[in-house]
Amino acid sequence: MTRDIADGGVAAEELKQFVERIERLEEEKKAIADDIKDVFAELKGRGFDVKAVRTILAFRKQDHSERQEEEAILELYMNALGMS
C-alpha cells in the first residue's frame, strides 16, 4: 500500500480524500467553537455568571448518581475544612 501512495495510485487518492474530510471537519469544529464562544459572551452580557453555567453544563453531562456522589464528596470535604 505504501508503494501505491508513493506512486500516486488509488491509495494516494483515498488518502487525499480522508485528509480533506478531516480538514472540513476541523473547520466545522472551529466554527462551532466560535459559536459557543459567542453564546457565552452573550450570556455574560446578559448578566449571567459564565463560570456557574459552565459548572451546570458539566453537571448535566453526568448521570444523576455520579453527580450526587460528587456533590456528597465535595460537601464532606468542605465540612472537613470548616467551609460549610
C-alpha atoms as a PDB file:
ATOM      1  CA  MET A   1       0.000   0.000   0.000  1.00  0.00           C
ATOM      2  CA  THR A   2       2.858   2.385   0.745  1.00  0.00           C
ATOM      3  CA  ARG A   3       4.070   1.834  -2.804  1.00  0.00           C
ATOM      4  CA  ASP A   4       0.652   2.846  -4.187  1.00  0.00           C
ATOM      5  CA  ILE A   5       0.801   6.073  -2.235  1.00  0.00           C
ATOM      6  CA  ALA A   6       4.333   6.833  -3.394  1.00  0.00           C
ATOM      7  CA  ASP A   7       3.353   6.128  -6.988  1.00  0.00           C
ATOM      8  CA  GLY A   8       0.266   8.338  -6.774  1.00  0.00           C
ATOM      9  CA  GLY A   9      -2.087   5.368  -7.199  1.00  0.00           C
ATOM     10  CA  VAL A  10      -5.556   4.676  -5.856  1.00  0.00           C
ATOM     11  CA  ALA A  11      -4.372   4.667  -2.237  1.00  0.00           C
ATOM     12  CA  ALA A  12      -2.988   8.180  -2.651  1.00  0.00           C
ATOM     13  CA  GLU A  13      -6.370   9.430  -3.845  1.00  0.00           C
ATOM     14  CA  GLU A  14      -8.110   7.710  -0.941  1.00  0.00           C
ATOM     15  CA  LEU A  15      -5.626   9.244   1.496  1.00  0.00           C
ATOM     16  CA  LYS A  16      -6.236  12.674  -0.022  1.00  0.00           C
ATOM     17  CA  GLN A  17      -9.995  12.231   0.455  1.00  0.00           C
ATOM     18  CA  PHE A  18      -9.520  11.307   4.113  1.00  0.00           C
ATOM     19  CA  VAL A  19      -7.274  14.313   4.705  1.00  0.00           C
ATOM     20  CA  GLU A  20      -9.752  16.660   3.017  1.00  0.00           C
ATOM     21  CA  ARG A  21     -12.633  15.251   5.083  1.00  0.00           C
ATOM     22  CA  ILE A  22     -10.665  15.808   8.271  1.00  0.00           C
ATOM     23  CA  GLU A  23      -9.830  19.356   7.194  1.00  0.00           C
ATOM     24  CA  ARG A  24     -13.519  20.111   6.557  1.00  0.00           C
ATOM     25  CA  LEU A  25     -14.496  18.656   9.923  1.00  0.00           C
ATOM     26  CA  GLU A  26     -11.785  20.704  11.649  1.00  0.00           C
ATOM     27  CA  GLU A  27     -13.218  23.843  10.010  1.00  0.00           C
ATOM     28  CA  GLU A  28     -16.713  22.911  11.192  1.00  0.00           C
ATOM     29  CA  LYS A  29     -15.379  22.226  14.698  1.00  0.00           C
ATOM     30  CA  LYS A  30     -13.746  25.664  14.802  1.00  0.00           C
ATOM     31  CA  ALA A  31     -16.947  27.312  13.596  1.00  0.00           C
ATOM     32  CA  ILE A  32     -18.943  25.538  16.309  1.00  0.00           C
ATOM     33  CA  ALA A  33     -16.371  26.500  18.960  1.00  0.00           C
ATOM     34  CA  ASP A  34     -16.652  30.119  17.806  1.00  0.00           C
ATOM     35  CA  ASP A  35     -20.453  29.914  18.031  1.00  0.00           C
ATOM     36  CA  ILE A  36     -20.221  28.547  21.581  1.00  0.00           C
ATOM     37  CA  LYS A  37     -17.808  31.347  22.497  1.00  0.00           C
ATOM     38  CA  ASP A  38     -20.328  33.868  21.142  1.00  0.00           C
ATOM     39  CA  VAL A  39     -23.135  32.327  23.208  1.00  0.00           C
ATOM     40  CA  PHE A  40     -21.007  32.585  26.358  1.00  0.00           C
ATOM     41  CA  ALA A  41     -20.251  36.222  25.546  1.00  0.00           C
ATOM     42  CA  GLU A  42     -23.979  36.884  25.093  1.00  0.00           C
ATOM     43  CA  LEU A  43     -24.700  35.054  28.340  1.00  0.00           C
ATOM     44  CA  LYS A  44     -22.159  37.200  30.176  1.00  0.00           C
ATOM     45  CA  GLY A  45     -23.535  40.331  28.542  1.00  0.00           C
ATOM     46  CA  ARG A  46     -26.979  39.485  29.885  1.00  0.00           C
ATOM     47  CA  GLY A  47     -25.571  39.328  33.422  1.00  0.00           C
ATOM     48  CA  PHE A  48     -25.238  35.578  33.911  1.00  0.00           C
ATOM     49  CA  ASP A  49     -22.224  34.058  35.648  1.00  0.00           C
ATOM     50  CA  VAL A  50     -20.309  32.140  32.960  1.00  0.00           C
ATOM     51  CA  LYS A  51     -18.377  30.025  35.465  1.00  0.00           C
ATOM     52  CA  ALA A  52     -21.620  28.862  37.098  1.00  0.00           C
ATOM     53  CA  VAL A  53     -23.127  27.994  33.708  1.00  0.00           C
ATOM     54  CA  ARG A  54     -20.008  26.004  32.776  1.00  0.00           C
ATOM     55  CA  THR A  55     -20.376  24.089  36.049  1.00  0.00           C
ATOM     56  CA  ILE A  56     -24.031  23.394  35.276  1.00  0.00           C
ATOM     57  CA  LEU A  57     -23.081  22.136  31.810  1.00  0.00           C
ATOM     58  CA  ALA A  58     -20.513  19.776  33.356  1.00  0.00           C
ATOM     59  CA  PHE A  59     -23.102  18.503  35.852  1.00  0.00           C
ATOM     60  CA  ARG A  60     -25.638  17.917  33.080  1.00  0.00           C
ATOM     61  CA  LYS A  61     -23.160  15.655  31.291  1.00  0.00           C
ATOM     62  CA  GLN A  62     -23.003  13.379  34.346  1.00  0.00           C
ATOM     63  CA  ASP A  63     -25.664  10.878  35.227  1.00  0.00           C
ATOM     64  CA  HIS A  64     -27.684  11.595  38.348  1.00  0.00           C
ATOM     65  CA  SER A  65     -25.946   9.115  40.669  1.00  0.00           C
ATOM     66  CA  GLU A  66     -22.487  10.236  39.563  1.00  0.00           C
ATOM     67  CA  ARG A  67     -23.420  13.848  40.223  1.00  0.00           C
ATOM     68  CA  GLN A  68     -24.880  13.019  43.648  1.00  0.00           C
ATOM     69  CA  GLU A  69     -21.704  11.165  44.604  1.00  0.00           C
ATOM     70  CA  GLU A  70     -19.525  14.094  43.528  1.00  0.00           C
ATOM     71  CA  GLU A  71     -21.692  16.571  45.435  1.00  0.00           C
ATOM     72  CA  ALA A  72     -21.585  14.368  48.572  1.00  0.00           C
ATOM     73  CA  ILE A  73     -17.791  14.139  48.440  1.00  0.00           C
ATOM     74  CA  LEU A  74     -17.497  17.878  47.888  1.00  0.00           C
ATOM     75  CA  GLU A  75     -19.793  18.556  50.861  1.00  0.00           C
ATOM     76  CA  LEU A  76     -17.814  16.108  53.026  1.00  0.00           C
ATOM     77  CA  TYR A  77     -14.508  17.802  52.143  1.00  0.00           C
ATOM     78  CA  MET A  78     -15.945  21.274  52.711  1.00  0.00           C
ATOM     79  CA  ASN A  79     -17.254  20.222  56.113  1.00  0.00           C
ATOM     80  CA  ALA A  80     -13.849  18.748  56.996  1.00  0.00           C
ATOM     81  CA  LEU A  81     -12.257  22.086  56.126  1.00  0.00           C
ATOM     82  CA  GLY A  82     -14.837  24.073  58.091  1.00  0.00           C
ATOM     83  CA  MET A  83     -16.260  25.651  54.940  1.00  0.00           C
ATOM     84  CA  SER A  84     -19.915  24.718  55.395  1.00  0.00           C
END
